[in-house]
Amino acid sequence: MPFYIFRISPTNEFDYIDMEEKYRPARERVRTLRSQASADDQSTYRMIFAHTVAQGEKLLISKASED
């Protein structure tokens, strides 16, 4: 299963960015996106291990509602 990378806006809108097959490249991509974000950007970047983009988004939404 691949790792899907999402940008999550302050209004909880999920934007699919990319997919990586392995954990380390996915982790590095998320770290790079976070470091390149401007100071006034309130978005967060997350990766999720899932079968499809839709499943990944669904898992992130359920995780966000738990917090």
Protein backbone atom coordinates (compact mmCIF):
# COMPACT_ATOMS: atom_id res chain seq x y z
CA MET A 1 0.00 0.00 0.00
CA PRO A 2 1.29 3.46 -0.80
CA PHE A 3 1.58 6.55 1.34
CA TYR A 4 -0.61 9.45 0.24
CA ILE A 5 0.40 13.03 1.01
CA PHE A 6 -2.23 15.67 1.72
CA ARG A 7 -2.32 19.39 2.43
CA ILE A 8 -4.94 20.21 5.07
CA SER A 9 -6.19 23.80 5.16
CA PRO A 10 -7.29 25.57 8.35
CA THR A 11 -10.89 25.00 7.21
CA ASN A 12 -10.20 21.22 7.04
CA GLU A 13 -10.18 21.01 3.25
CA PHE A 14 -8.02 18.11 2.08
CA ASP A 15 -5.89 18.52 -1.06
CA TYR A 16 -4.16 15.44 -2.41
CA ILE A 17 -0.56 16.27 -3.34
CA ASP A 18 1.31 13.09 -4.19
CA MET A 19 1.88 9.40 -3.53
CA GLU A 20 5.02 7.54 -2.48
CA GLU A 21 5.46 3.78 -2.37
CA LYS A 22 7.87 3.80 0.57
CA TYR A 23 7.79 5.43 4.02
CA ARG A 24 11.10 7.31 3.97
CA PRO A 25 10.52 9.20 0.70
CA ALA A 26 7.00 10.07 1.87
CA ARG A 27 8.31 11.33 5.20
CA GLU A 28 11.00 13.42 3.49
CA ARG A 29 8.46 14.89 1.08
CA VAL A 30 6.17 15.95 3.94
CA ARG A 31 9.11 17.46 5.83
CA THR A 32 10.17 19.38 2.73
CA LEU A 33 6.65 20.69 2.17
CA ARG A 34 6.44 21.82 5.79
CA SER A 35 9.80 23.58 5.65
CA GLN A 36 8.96 25.33 2.36
CA ALA A 37 5.59 26.62 3.58
CA SER A 38 5.45 30.35 4.18
CA ALA A 39 5.16 31.66 7.72
CA ASP A 40 1.59 32.87 7.17
CA ASP A 41 0.45 29.52 5.71
CA GLN A 42 -1.72 27.85 8.34
CA SER A 43 -1.98 24.57 6.41
CA THR A 44 -0.59 21.28 7.66
CA TYR A 45 0.88 18.45 5.63
CA ARG A 46 0.18 14.83 6.46
CA MET A 47 0.85 11.43 4.97
CA ILE A 48 -1.39 8.42 5.38
CA PHE A 49 -0.96 4.74 4.56
CA ALA A 50 -4.02 3.60 2.58
CA HIS A 51 -5.26 1.58 -0.39
CA THR A 52 -6.62 4.61 -2.29
CA VAL A 53 -6.62 8.41 -2.14
CA ALA A 54 -10.28 8.33 -1.08
CA GLN A 55 -9.55 5.92 1.77
CA GLY A 56 -6.60 8.07 2.87
CA GLU A 57 -8.76 11.18 2.96
CA LYS A 58 -11.46 9.33 4.88
CA LEU A 59 -8.91 8.13 7.46
CA LEU A 60 -7.52 11.65 7.89
CA ILE A 61 -11.02 13.09 8.30
CA SER A 62 -11.88 10.53 10.98
CA LYS A 63 -8.55 11.17 12.71
CA ALA A 64 -9.19 14.95 12.65
CA SER A 65 -12.65 14.54 14.16
CA GLU A 66 -11.16 12.53 17.06
CA ASP A 67 -8.81 15.40 17.97
